[in-house]
Structure formats: C-alpha cells, structure tokens
C-alpha cells in the first residue's frame, strides 16, 4: 500500500465519524477490459513490473477444483498473459485464488484454506502455508517488514457463517500466527496495512463496517459506510481510503476529514480493488461479469 499517512490520522477520521450520505465526484472515462477472465476476484498493481495481476477463481469460490489462474494485464488494458499462473498446469496448485500481496520477490495468493507463494518474476510455485481451521481465506496485505496478513471471512460454501472469522500473520520466515479469531470480527474481507503497521479492515456484512485491529486483536474505531458488503480497501497517498461496496455497486472514498464520497458508481459486484499509484487509478474486478474497470481518479 502506498499511503504515507499514519494510523493517527485514519483513527481520527473514524472517531470524527462518517459524513451523512455520499456525494458523487466526476471522473475521467474508464478503461474497460474483458476477454477470458473467469470470476475475477482481485487486482494487484505490481509496481516493479508495472503490470496488473488479476486473480481468477474460475467457478466456485470454495471448490478445490484446481482451475484457478492469475492473469497479467498491461496498464493500457492489454491482456499480456491470460493464464500466467495456471492451476491446471503440472506442478501448480491453485483452486479459488482471491487476494494477493507481494513481499520481497514472492507473490502471495490466498486460496480457500491456504496461502500459496509464487516467484514474482517467473510465476513458479514456491510452496504454501496451509491454515488449519480456516474456511474462506480472502484478502492479503504486506507490511513493510515483509510480514503478510490474511483474512478469513468465516463463511461456508453456501456462504452461511462458519464462525472461523480471523486475521492471520505470516512472518518473513513463514511462521504463522493468529492475530485475531472471533465472530466479532464480522466477516472480515479487505485488509490494508498503514505505514506505521496499523491494520485496517472492512467487512462483508450488510452493515458495512470499517475498523482497525488493535493490540491483542481487539476491534477498534468501528464505523459504518453508507452501504455495506464491503470487499476491498486501498490506501491513497493523501491518507484517504478507497473501499469497494457490493451493496452500493460502487467504490467509496473515505477522506481524512471523515467525508465519504462515491468515486465510482454503477459497478455491480466490485470485488477486491487495487490501486495504481503511478497513474492514480482504482482497479476494479467485476466479479459477476468477468471484466475489469480501470478508473482514473483525476
């Protein structure tokens, strides 16, 4: 994540409270991308290669069917390689890939009950961390120290509550630890790490909660957005947060002063968004329509 603003400013935003309602800001025309995506769940901007990585579930999000794949897309919308990492290839295991993060030279991908690792340059498999007791691993975020954080949204294949709601940490050595595990996390979905290490999460509940995770895994500074079923969250350089909402078919921007505005509307099933820091763009996978929306923010 590219935000240079510390946790204090974000927490202040939550304490002030969210502005009532959501104003719509005019935006430049989007780039629309389609052509072979299959249930695209997440987009990650990989700055070193200047490419967009797209995780494709390719069917049932909870099925261990071995057909998930990761695409590489150029910033101009060209599909460079539809199946750069392909779960159907010998030696590659990828079922229902969702969130992605990069630490060092490794791409981390959440995959139902495991976090899989791939070489960032070649896409070659580098092993996996299996998380016993998890049911729906979802978003990932990397901290400055190389640690990777992953959410378990806590749902079963029929999307009924499983009670496994959790946030896990994988340290640079590969050691797994539990930061928080409780239904009180309310189906955590998107996660981001602020520069000072503070974790910010959004929930997939209809209530649409945003909160920080405090010491001992305590949920803190809980606030609600104008609409719920929140999926992805990204931090902007100015300290604002971008948050996708299935309930609103939109992407909200939560500013430092507590104002909430709609920066992208009419995007049904906006899943785990990414942010292109080089071009100031929000990257939106349209989960149910097998396409991407690349939306400039200026």
C-alpha atoms as a PDB file:
ATOM      1  CA  UNK A   1       0.000   0.000   0.000  1.00  0.00           C
ATOM      2  CA  UNK A   2       1.206   3.428  -0.868  1.00  0.00           C
ATOM      3  CA  UNK A   3      -0.252   5.653   1.860  1.00  0.00           C
ATOM      4  CA  UNK A   4       2.284   7.829   3.691  1.00  0.00           C
ATOM      5  CA  UNK A   5      -0.238   8.838   6.363  1.00  0.00           C
ATOM      6  CA  UNK A   6      -0.013   7.230   9.802  1.00  0.00           C
ATOM      7  CA  UNK A   7      -2.676   5.482  11.787  1.00  0.00           C
ATOM      8  CA  UNK A   8      -3.414   8.546  13.900  1.00  0.00           C
ATOM      9  CA  UNK A   9      -4.975  10.435  11.027  1.00  0.00           C
ATOM     10  CA  UNK A  10      -7.077   7.461   9.970  1.00  0.00           C
ATOM     11  CA  UNK A  11      -8.232   6.775  13.505  1.00  0.00           C
ATOM     12  CA  UNK A  12      -9.121  10.453  13.837  1.00  0.00           C
ATOM     13  CA  UNK A  13     -11.285  10.093  10.757  1.00  0.00           C
ATOM     14  CA  UNK A  14     -13.153   7.208  12.330  1.00  0.00           C
ATOM     15  CA  UNK A  15     -13.607   8.989  15.623  1.00  0.00           C
ATOM     16  CA  UNK A  16     -14.967  12.096  13.898  1.00  0.00           C
ATOM     17  CA  UNK A  17     -17.461   9.848  12.135  1.00  0.00           C
ATOM     18  CA  UNK A  18     -18.577   9.494   8.564  1.00  0.00           C
ATOM     19  CA  UNK A  19     -20.374  12.234   6.708  1.00  0.00           C
ATOM     20  CA  UNK A  20     -24.038  11.507   6.121  1.00  0.00           C
ATOM     21  CA  UNK A  21     -24.760  10.385   2.571  1.00  0.00           C
ATOM     22  CA  UNK A  22     -22.269  10.103  -0.293  1.00  0.00           C
ATOM     23  CA  UNK A  23     -21.579  12.652  -2.986  1.00  0.00           C
ATOM     24  CA  UNK A  24     -20.587  11.580  -6.474  1.00  0.00           C
ATOM     25  CA  UNK A  25     -17.393  13.053  -7.930  1.00  0.00           C
ATOM     26  CA  UNK A  26     -16.883  13.406 -11.709  1.00  0.00           C
ATOM     27  CA  UNK A  27     -14.214  11.118 -13.124  1.00  0.00           C
ATOM     28  CA  UNK A  28     -12.326  10.633 -16.383  1.00  0.00           C
ATOM     29  CA  UNK A  29     -13.621   7.838 -18.646  1.00  0.00           C
ATOM     30  CA  UNK A  30     -12.655   4.338 -17.525  1.00  0.00           C
ATOM     31  CA  UNK A  31     -10.760   1.691 -19.434  1.00  0.00           C
ATOM     32  CA  UNK A  32     -12.924  -1.415 -19.745  1.00  0.00           C
ATOM     33  CA  UNK A  33     -11.167  -4.765 -20.102  1.00  0.00           C
ATOM     34  CA  UNK A  34     -12.655  -8.145 -20.972  1.00  0.00           C
ATOM     35  CA  UNK A  35     -11.575 -11.267 -22.807  1.00  0.00           C
ATOM     36  CA  UNK A  36     -11.271 -14.551 -20.963  1.00  0.00           C
ATOM     37  CA  UNK A  37     -11.452 -13.586 -17.293  1.00  0.00           C
ATOM     38  CA  UNK A  38     -13.328 -16.103 -15.176  1.00  0.00           C
ATOM     39  CA  UNK A  39     -14.750 -14.817 -11.884  1.00  0.00           C
ATOM     40  CA  UNK A  40     -12.059 -12.155 -11.376  1.00  0.00           C
ATOM     41  CA  UNK A  41     -11.779 -11.546  -7.638  1.00  0.00           C
ATOM     42  CA  UNK A  42      -8.766  -9.313  -7.043  1.00  0.00           C
ATOM     43  CA  UNK A  43      -6.462  -6.906  -8.889  1.00  0.00           C
ATOM     44  CA  UNK A  44      -2.992  -6.110  -7.584  1.00  0.00           C
ATOM     45  CA  UNK A  45      -0.731  -3.413  -9.022  1.00  0.00           C
ATOM     46  CA  UNK A  46       2.788  -4.832  -9.208  1.00  0.00           C
ATOM     47  CA  UNK A  47       4.831  -1.643  -9.399  1.00  0.00           C
ATOM     48  CA  UNK A  48       8.244  -3.106 -10.202  1.00  0.00           C
ATOM     49  CA  UNK A  49       6.976  -4.715 -13.413  1.00  0.00           C
ATOM     50  CA  UNK A  50       4.299  -2.044 -13.933  1.00  0.00           C
ATOM     51  CA  UNK A  51       1.594  -4.653 -14.527  1.00  0.00           C
ATOM     52  CA  UNK A  52      -1.786  -5.543 -13.061  1.00  0.00           C
ATOM     53  CA  UNK A  53      -2.177  -9.060 -11.664  1.00  0.00           C
ATOM     54  CA  UNK A  54      -5.729 -10.443 -11.689  1.00  0.00           C
ATOM     55  CA  UNK A  55      -6.810 -13.474  -9.672  1.00  0.00           C
ATOM     56  CA  UNK A  56      -9.479 -15.620 -11.369  1.00  0.00           C
ATOM     57  CA  UNK A  57     -11.486 -18.038  -9.250  1.00  0.00           C
ATOM     58  CA  UNK A  58     -12.914 -19.688 -12.364  1.00  0.00           C
ATOM     59  CA  UNK A  59     -16.075 -21.139 -10.843  1.00  0.00           C
ATOM     60  CA  UNK A  60     -16.997 -21.949  -7.256  1.00  0.00           C
ATOM     61  CA  UNK A  61     -15.040 -19.774  -4.766  1.00  0.00           C
ATOM     62  CA  UNK A  62     -14.811 -22.681  -2.299  1.00  0.00           C
ATOM     63  CA  UNK A  63     -14.169 -25.619  -4.655  1.00  0.00           C
ATOM     64  CA  UNK A  64     -10.758 -27.296  -4.664  1.00  0.00           C
ATOM     65  CA  UNK A  65     -11.062 -27.812  -8.412  1.00  0.00           C
ATOM     66  CA  UNK A  66      -7.527 -26.905  -9.483  1.00  0.00           C
ATOM     67  CA  UNK A  67      -8.600 -24.479 -12.222  1.00  0.00           C
ATOM     68  CA  UNK A  68      -7.827 -21.059 -10.739  1.00  0.00           C
ATOM     69  CA  UNK A  69      -5.426 -18.743 -12.549  1.00  0.00           C
ATOM     70  CA  UNK A  70      -3.614 -15.406 -12.368  1.00  0.00           C
ATOM     71  CA  UNK A  71      -3.611 -13.015 -15.341  1.00  0.00           C
ATOM     72  CA  UNK A  72      -1.131 -10.287 -16.281  1.00  0.00           C
ATOM     73  CA  UNK A  73      -2.648  -7.117 -17.729  1.00  0.00           C
ATOM     74  CA  UNK A  74      -0.871  -4.022 -19.055  1.00  0.00           C
ATOM     75  CA  UNK A  75      -1.930  -0.581 -17.739  1.00  0.00           C
ATOM     76  CA  UNK A  76      -3.403   0.227 -21.161  1.00  0.00           C
ATOM     77  CA  UNK A  77      -5.784  -2.722 -20.798  1.00  0.00           C
ATOM     78  CA  UNK A  78      -3.974  -5.250 -22.993  1.00  0.00           C
ATOM     79  CA  UNK A  79      -4.074  -8.785 -21.641  1.00  0.00           C
ATOM     80  CA  UNK A  80      -0.411  -9.774 -21.626  1.00  0.00           C
ATOM     81  CA  UNK A  81      -0.939 -13.329 -20.416  1.00  0.00           C
ATOM     82  CA  UNK A  82      -4.366 -14.624 -19.504  1.00  0.00           C
ATOM     83  CA  UNK A  83      -3.090 -17.645 -17.591  1.00  0.00           C
ATOM     84  CA  UNK A  84       0.329 -16.582 -16.337  1.00  0.00           C
ATOM     85  CA  UNK A  85      -0.081 -18.840 -13.287  1.00  0.00           C
ATOM     86  CA  UNK A  86      -2.451 -21.688 -14.168  1.00  0.00           C
ATOM     87  CA  UNK A  87      -3.787 -24.224 -11.687  1.00  0.00           C
ATOM     88  CA  UNK A  88      -4.280 -26.790 -14.465  1.00  0.00           C
ATOM     89  CA  UNK A  89      -0.556 -26.971 -15.251  1.00  0.00           C
ATOM     90  CA  UNK A  90       1.517 -29.826 -13.809  1.00  0.00           C
ATOM     91  CA  UNK A  91       3.183 -28.839 -10.578  1.00  0.00           C
ATOM     92  CA  UNK A  92       0.932 -25.816  -9.996  1.00  0.00           C
ATOM     93  CA  UNK A  93      -1.818 -25.880  -7.362  1.00  0.00           C
ATOM     94  CA  UNK A  94      -4.385 -23.090  -7.467  1.00  0.00           C
ATOM     95  CA  UNK A  95      -8.080 -23.596  -6.762  1.00  0.00           C
ATOM     96  CA  UNK A  96     -10.030 -20.432  -5.951  1.00  0.00           C
ATOM     97  CA  UNK A  97      -7.471 -17.590  -5.775  1.00  0.00           C
ATOM     98  CA  UNK A  98      -8.597 -14.355  -4.169  1.00  0.00           C
ATOM     99  CA  UNK A  99      -6.415 -11.690  -2.509  1.00  0.00           C
ATOM    100  CA  UNK A 100      -2.784 -11.076  -3.459  1.00  0.00           C
ATOM    101  CA  UNK A 101       0.213  -9.370  -1.879  1.00  0.00           C
ATOM    102  CA  UNK A 102       3.912  -9.074  -2.608  1.00  0.00           C
ATOM    103  CA  UNK A 103       6.726  -9.337  -0.070  1.00  0.00           C
ATOM    104  CA  UNK A 104      10.252  -9.387  -1.418  1.00  0.00           C
ATOM    105  CA  UNK A 105      10.337 -11.431  -4.602  1.00  0.00           C
ATOM    106  CA  UNK A 106       7.319 -13.544  -3.679  1.00  0.00           C
ATOM    107  CA  UNK A 107       3.698 -13.230  -4.732  1.00  0.00           C
ATOM    108  CA  UNK A 108       1.325 -14.459  -2.020  1.00  0.00           C
ATOM    109  CA  UNK A 109      -2.162 -15.636  -3.061  1.00  0.00           C
ATOM    110  CA  UNK A 110      -4.988 -16.697  -0.764  1.00  0.00           C
ATOM    111  CA  UNK A 111      -6.601 -19.950  -1.874  1.00  0.00           C
ATOM    112  CA  UNK A 112      -9.550 -21.137   0.263  1.00  0.00           C
ATOM    113  CA  UNK A 113      -7.598 -22.633   3.207  1.00  0.00           C
ATOM    114  CA  UNK A 114      -4.006 -21.982   2.141  1.00  0.00           C
ATOM    115  CA  UNK A 115      -1.784 -19.073   1.187  1.00  0.00           C
ATOM    116  CA  UNK A 116       0.238 -20.052  -1.866  1.00  0.00           C
ATOM    117  CA  UNK A 117       3.533 -18.491  -2.879  1.00  0.00           C
ATOM    118  CA  UNK A 118       4.919 -17.907  -6.348  1.00  0.00           C
ATOM    119  CA  UNK A 119       8.067 -16.381  -7.781  1.00  0.00           C
ATOM    120  CA  UNK A 120       7.217 -12.797  -8.656  1.00  0.00           C
ATOM    121  CA  UNK A 121       9.309 -12.842 -11.821  1.00  0.00           C
ATOM    122  CA  UNK A 122       8.525 -16.261 -13.285  1.00  0.00           C
ATOM    123  CA  UNK A 123       5.294 -17.334 -11.583  1.00  0.00           C
ATOM    124  CA  UNK A 124       6.903 -20.606 -10.465  1.00  0.00           C
ATOM    125  CA  UNK A 125       5.438 -22.196  -7.313  1.00  0.00           C
ATOM    126  CA  UNK A 126       7.342 -21.584  -4.065  1.00  0.00           C
ATOM    127  CA  UNK A 127       5.226 -23.545  -1.593  1.00  0.00           C
ATOM    128  CA  UNK A 128       2.241 -22.818   0.601  1.00  0.00           C
ATOM    129  CA  UNK A 129       1.173 -22.066   4.150  1.00  0.00           C
ATOM    130  CA  UNK A 130      -1.877 -24.190   4.990  1.00  0.00           C
ATOM    131  CA  UNK A 131      -4.085 -22.589   7.650  1.00  0.00           C
ATOM    132  CA  UNK A 132      -5.875 -25.337   9.535  1.00  0.00           C
ATOM    133  CA  UNK A 133      -9.345 -24.423  10.743  1.00  0.00           C
ATOM    134  CA  UNK A 134      -9.864 -21.725   8.135  1.00  0.00           C
ATOM    135  CA  UNK A 135     -12.807 -21.833   5.722  1.00  0.00           C
ATOM    136  CA  UNK A 136     -12.611 -18.807   3.396  1.00  0.00           C
ATOM    137  CA  UNK A 137      -9.240 -17.075   3.211  1.00  0.00           C
ATOM    138  CA  UNK A 138      -9.782 -13.836   1.391  1.00  0.00           C
ATOM    139  CA  UNK A 139      -7.678 -10.683   1.239  1.00  0.00           C
ATOM    140  CA  UNK A 140      -3.950 -10.229   1.784  1.00  0.00           C
ATOM    141  CA  UNK A 141      -1.725  -7.275   2.623  1.00  0.00           C
ATOM    142  CA  UNK A 142       2.008  -6.972   3.199  1.00  0.00           C
ATOM    143  CA  UNK A 143       3.719  -4.909   5.871  1.00  0.00           C
ATOM    144  CA  UNK A 144       6.980  -3.048   5.478  1.00  0.00           C
ATOM    145  CA  UNK A 145       8.860  -5.737   7.408  1.00  0.00           C
ATOM    146  CA  UNK A 146       7.846  -8.428   4.909  1.00  0.00           C
ATOM    147  CA  UNK A 147       5.068  -9.902   7.025  1.00  0.00           C
ATOM    148  CA  UNK A 148       1.870 -10.852   5.191  1.00  0.00           C
ATOM    149  CA  UNK A 149      -1.596 -10.602   6.720  1.00  0.00           C
ATOM    150  CA  UNK A 150      -4.610 -12.630   5.563  1.00  0.00           C
ATOM    151  CA  UNK A 151      -8.290 -12.530   6.457  1.00  0.00           C
ATOM    152  CA  UNK A 152     -10.648 -15.461   6.878  1.00  0.00           C
ATOM    153  CA  UNK A 153     -14.119 -14.151   6.076  1.00  0.00           C
ATOM    154  CA  UNK A 154     -15.634 -17.027   8.039  1.00  0.00           C
ATOM    155  CA  UNK A 155     -18.206 -18.483   5.664  1.00  0.00           C
ATOM    156  CA  UNK A 156     -19.064 -21.959   4.408  1.00  0.00           C
ATOM    157  CA  UNK A 157     -19.560 -22.952   0.747  1.00  0.00           C
ATOM    158  CA  UNK A 158     -23.208 -21.816   0.975  1.00  0.00           C
ATOM    159  CA  UNK A 159     -21.961 -18.514   2.479  1.00  0.00           C
ATOM    160  CA  UNK A 160     -23.581 -19.209   5.837  1.00  0.00           C
ATOM    161  CA  UNK A 161     -21.419 -18.230   8.841  1.00  0.00           C
ATOM    162  CA  UNK A 162     -18.738 -20.735   9.778  1.00  0.00           C
ATOM    163  CA  UNK A 163     -17.512 -18.840  12.851  1.00  0.00           C
ATOM    164  CA  UNK A 164     -13.898 -19.010  11.686  1.00  0.00           C
ATOM    165  CA  UNK A 165     -13.592 -15.219  11.176  1.00  0.00           C
ATOM    166  CA  UNK A 166      -9.920 -14.403  11.670  1.00  0.00           C
ATOM    167  CA  UNK A 167      -6.847 -12.392  10.800  1.00  0.00           C
ATOM    168  CA  UNK A 168      -3.574 -14.297  10.465  1.00  0.00           C
ATOM    169  CA  UNK A 169       0.032 -13.204  10.114  1.00  0.00           C
ATOM    170  CA  UNK A 170       2.777 -14.933   8.144  1.00  0.00           C
ATOM    171  CA  UNK A 171       6.173 -13.550   9.119  1.00  0.00           C
ATOM    172  CA  UNK A 172       9.127 -13.367   6.695  1.00  0.00           C
ATOM    173  CA  UNK A 173      10.356 -16.778   7.860  1.00  0.00           C
ATOM    174  CA  UNK A 174       6.980 -18.339   7.016  1.00  0.00           C
ATOM    175  CA  UNK A 175       5.824 -18.695  10.613  1.00  0.00           C
ATOM    176  CA  UNK A 176       2.041 -18.475  11.016  1.00  0.00           C
ATOM    177  CA  UNK A 177       0.348 -16.773  13.963  1.00  0.00           C
ATOM    178  CA  UNK A 178      -3.198 -15.735  14.838  1.00  0.00           C
ATOM    179  CA  UNK A 179      -3.754 -12.016  15.391  1.00  0.00           C
ATOM    180  CA  UNK A 180      -7.497 -12.306  15.996  1.00  0.00           C
ATOM    181  CA  UNK A 181     -10.080 -15.062  15.695  1.00  0.00           C
ATOM    182  CA  UNK A 182     -13.696 -14.412  16.626  1.00  0.00           C
ATOM    183  CA  UNK A 183     -17.145 -13.995  15.049  1.00  0.00           C
ATOM    184  CA  UNK A 184     -16.921 -10.477  16.499  1.00  0.00           C
ATOM    185  CA  UNK A 185     -14.701  -9.646  13.509  1.00  0.00           C
ATOM    186  CA  UNK A 186     -17.945  -9.704  11.455  1.00  0.00           C
ATOM    187  CA  UNK A 187     -16.758 -11.427   8.282  1.00  0.00           C
ATOM    188  CA  UNK A 188     -13.514  -9.539   7.630  1.00  0.00           C
ATOM    189  CA  UNK A 189     -12.827  -9.190   3.930  1.00  0.00           C
ATOM    190  CA  UNK A 190     -10.462  -6.459   2.715  1.00  0.00           C
ATOM    191  CA  UNK A 191      -7.331  -5.564   4.651  1.00  0.00           C
ATOM    192  CA  UNK A 192      -4.599  -2.962   4.273  1.00  0.00           C
ATOM    193  CA  UNK A 193      -1.546  -2.039   6.317  1.00  0.00           C
ATOM    194  CA  UNK A 194      -0.837   1.620   7.045  1.00  0.00           C
ATOM    195  CA  UNK A 195       2.796   2.809   7.073  1.00  0.00           C
ATOM    196  CA  UNK A 196       3.038   2.553  10.869  1.00  0.00           C
ATOM    197  CA  UNK A 197       1.819  -1.047  10.771  1.00  0.00           C
ATOM    198  CA  UNK A 198      -1.809  -0.413  11.753  1.00  0.00           C
ATOM    199  CA  UNK A 199      -4.224  -2.889  10.157  1.00  0.00           C
ATOM    200  CA  UNK A 200      -7.436  -1.529   8.637  1.00  0.00           C
ATOM    201  CA  UNK A 201     -10.210  -3.966   7.718  1.00  0.00           C
ATOM    202  CA  UNK A 202     -13.591  -3.824   6.016  1.00  0.00           C
ATOM    203  CA  UNK A 203     -16.384  -6.347   6.469  1.00  0.00           C
ATOM    204  CA  UNK A 204     -18.648  -8.153   4.045  1.00  0.00           C
ATOM    205  CA  UNK A 205     -21.676  -7.769   6.301  1.00  0.00           C
ATOM    206  CA  UNK A 206     -24.671  -5.711   5.086  1.00  0.00           C
ATOM    207  CA  UNK A 207     -23.793  -3.178   7.794  1.00  0.00           C
ATOM    208  CA  UNK A 208     -20.540  -2.299   6.051  1.00  0.00           C
ATOM    209  CA  UNK A 209     -18.062  -1.785   8.869  1.00  0.00           C
ATOM    210  CA  UNK A 210     -14.577  -0.272   8.736  1.00  0.00           C
ATOM    211  CA  UNK A 211     -12.296  -0.768  11.729  1.00  0.00           C
ATOM    212  CA  UNK A 212      -8.720  -1.010  12.931  1.00  0.00           C
ATOM    213  CA  UNK A 213      -7.255  -4.024  14.692  1.00  0.00           C
ATOM    214  CA  UNK A 214      -5.670  -3.079  17.981  1.00  0.00           C
ATOM    215  CA  UNK A 215      -3.411  -4.873  20.453  1.00  0.00           C
ATOM    216  CA  UNK A 216      -4.482  -8.394  21.238  1.00  0.00           C
ATOM    217  CA  UNK A 217      -6.646  -8.482  18.122  1.00  0.00           C
ATOM    218  CA  UNK A 218      -9.146  -6.043  19.591  1.00  0.00           C
ATOM    219  CA  UNK A 219     -11.585  -4.445  17.140  1.00  0.00           C
ATOM    220  CA  UNK A 220     -11.316  -0.667  17.468  1.00  0.00           C
ATOM    221  CA  UNK A 221     -12.730   2.523  15.927  1.00  0.00           C
ATOM    222  CA  UNK A 222     -15.704   0.823  14.264  1.00  0.00           C
ATOM    223  CA  UNK A 223     -17.685   2.939  11.811  1.00  0.00           C
ATOM    224  CA  UNK A 224     -20.171   2.211   9.036  1.00  0.00           C
ATOM    225  CA  UNK A 225     -20.222   3.354   5.420  1.00  0.00           C
ATOM    226  CA  UNK A 226     -23.427   4.422   3.600  1.00  0.00           C
ATOM    227  CA  UNK A 227     -23.809   0.905   2.169  1.00  0.00           C
ATOM    228  CA  UNK A 228     -22.392  -2.482   3.058  1.00  0.00           C
ATOM    229  CA  UNK A 229     -20.986  -5.770   1.781  1.00  0.00           C
ATOM    230  CA  UNK A 230     -17.566  -4.184   1.609  1.00  0.00           C
ATOM    231  CA  UNK A 231     -14.851  -6.071  -0.245  1.00  0.00           C
ATOM    232  CA  UNK A 232     -11.542  -4.351  -0.992  1.00  0.00           C
ATOM    233  CA  UNK A 233      -9.710  -1.486   0.709  1.00  0.00           C
ATOM    234  CA  UNK A 234      -6.716   0.512  -0.543  1.00  0.00           C
ATOM    235  CA  UNK A 235      -4.871   3.469   0.971  1.00  0.00           C
ATOM    236  CA  UNK A 236      -4.155   6.548  -1.168  1.00  0.00           C
ATOM    237  CA  UNK A 237      -1.021   8.704  -0.864  1.00  0.00           C
ATOM    238  CA  UNK A 238      -3.061  11.546   0.677  1.00  0.00           C
ATOM    239  CA  UNK A 239      -4.298   9.323   3.514  1.00  0.00           C
ATOM    240  CA  UNK A 240      -7.761   8.609   2.114  1.00  0.00           C
ATOM    241  CA  UNK A 241      -9.106   5.090   1.756  1.00  0.00           C
ATOM    242  CA  UNK A 242     -10.780   3.534  -1.282  1.00  0.00           C
ATOM    243  CA  UNK A 243     -13.378   0.881  -0.372  1.00  0.00           C
ATOM    244  CA  UNK A 244     -15.495  -1.229  -2.719  1.00  0.00           C
ATOM    245  CA  UNK A 245     -19.128  -1.962  -1.823  1.00  0.00           C
ATOM    246  CA  UNK A 246     -21.312  -4.646  -3.368  1.00  0.00           C
ATOM    247  CA  UNK A 247     -24.297  -3.128  -1.606  1.00  0.00           C
ATOM    248  CA  UNK A 248     -23.858   0.199  -3.395  1.00  0.00           C
ATOM    249  CA  UNK A 249     -22.322  -1.177  -6.627  1.00  0.00           C
ATOM    250  CA  UNK A 250     -19.706   1.481  -6.050  1.00  0.00           C
ATOM    251  CA  UNK A 251     -16.288   2.451  -4.770  1.00  0.00           C
ATOM    252  CA  UNK A 252     -16.304   4.883  -1.846  1.00  0.00           C
ATOM    253  CA  UNK A 253     -13.548   7.246  -0.831  1.00  0.00           C
ATOM    254  CA  UNK A 254     -13.161   7.929   2.871  1.00  0.00           C
ATOM    255  CA  UNK A 255     -11.222  11.189   3.215  1.00  0.00           C
ATOM    256  CA  UNK A 256      -9.060  12.248   6.132  1.00  0.00           C
ATOM    257  CA  UNK A 257     -11.697  14.730   7.314  1.00  0.00           C
ATOM    258  CA  UNK A 258     -14.309  11.964   7.607  1.00  0.00           C
ATOM    259  CA  UNK A 259     -16.129  12.750   4.368  1.00  0.00           C
ATOM    260  CA  UNK A 260     -17.400   9.802   2.342  1.00  0.00           C
ATOM    261  CA  UNK A 261     -17.959  10.239  -1.375  1.00  0.00           C
ATOM    262  CA  UNK A 262     -18.691   7.872  -4.226  1.00  0.00           C
ATOM    263  CA  UNK A 263     -15.810   7.965  -6.691  1.00  0.00           C
ATOM    264  CA  UNK A 264     -17.058   5.159  -8.954  1.00  0.00           C
ATOM    265  CA  UNK A 265     -20.685   4.130  -9.369  1.00  0.00           C
ATOM    266  CA  UNK A 266     -22.621   1.581 -11.432  1.00  0.00           C
ATOM    267  CA  UNK A 267     -20.050  -1.174 -10.939  1.00  0.00           C
ATOM    268  CA  UNK A 268     -22.030  -4.284  -9.912  1.00  0.00           C
ATOM    269  CA  UNK A 269     -20.150  -6.823  -7.774  1.00  0.00           C
ATOM    270  CA  UNK A 270     -16.958  -4.770  -7.301  1.00  0.00           C
ATOM    271  CA  UNK A 271     -14.595  -7.223  -5.666  1.00  0.00           C
ATOM    272  CA  UNK A 272     -11.090  -6.745  -4.234  1.00  0.00           C
ATOM    273  CA  UNK A 273      -9.896  -3.474  -5.751  1.00  0.00           C
ATOM    274  CA  UNK A 274      -6.310  -2.429  -6.464  1.00  0.00           C
ATOM    275  CA  UNK A 275      -4.655   0.964  -6.744  1.00  0.00           C
ATOM    276  CA  UNK A 276      -2.208   2.035  -9.480  1.00  0.00           C
ATOM    277  CA  UNK A 277      -0.063   4.531  -7.591  1.00  0.00           C
ATOM    278  CA  UNK A 278       1.847   5.574 -10.716  1.00  0.00           C
ATOM    279  CA  UNK A 279      -1.271   6.700 -12.603  1.00  0.00           C
ATOM    280  CA  UNK A 280      -3.686   7.374  -9.725  1.00  0.00           C
ATOM    281  CA  UNK A 281      -6.224   4.747 -10.769  1.00  0.00           C
ATOM    282  CA  UNK A 282      -8.568   2.428  -8.936  1.00  0.00           C
ATOM    283  CA  UNK A 283      -8.618  -1.068 -10.423  1.00  0.00           C
ATOM    284  CA  UNK A 284     -11.953  -2.855 -10.110  1.00  0.00           C
ATOM    285  CA  UNK A 285     -12.645  -6.545 -10.827  1.00  0.00           C
ATOM    286  CA  UNK A 286     -16.298  -7.004 -11.771  1.00  0.00           C
ATOM    287  CA  UNK A 287     -16.782 -10.375 -10.137  1.00  0.00           C
ATOM    288  CA  UNK A 288     -20.089 -11.434 -11.702  1.00  0.00           C
ATOM    289  CA  UNK A 289     -19.423 -10.078 -15.210  1.00  0.00           C
ATOM    290  CA  UNK A 290     -15.885 -11.346 -15.954  1.00  0.00           C
ATOM    291  CA  UNK A 291     -14.427  -7.927 -16.733  1.00  0.00           C
ATOM    292  CA  UNK A 292     -12.280  -5.179 -15.264  1.00  0.00           C
ATOM    293  CA  UNK A 293     -12.832  -1.454 -14.845  1.00  0.00           C
ATOM    294  CA  UNK A 294      -9.718   0.711 -14.729  1.00  0.00           C
ATOM    295  CA  UNK A 295     -10.898   4.081 -13.419  1.00  0.00           C
ATOM    296  CA  UNK A 296      -8.652   7.192 -13.324  1.00  0.00           C
ATOM    297  CA  UNK A 297      -9.210   9.235 -10.194  1.00  0.00           C
ATOM    298  CA  UNK A 298      -8.304  12.525 -11.872  1.00  0.00           C
END
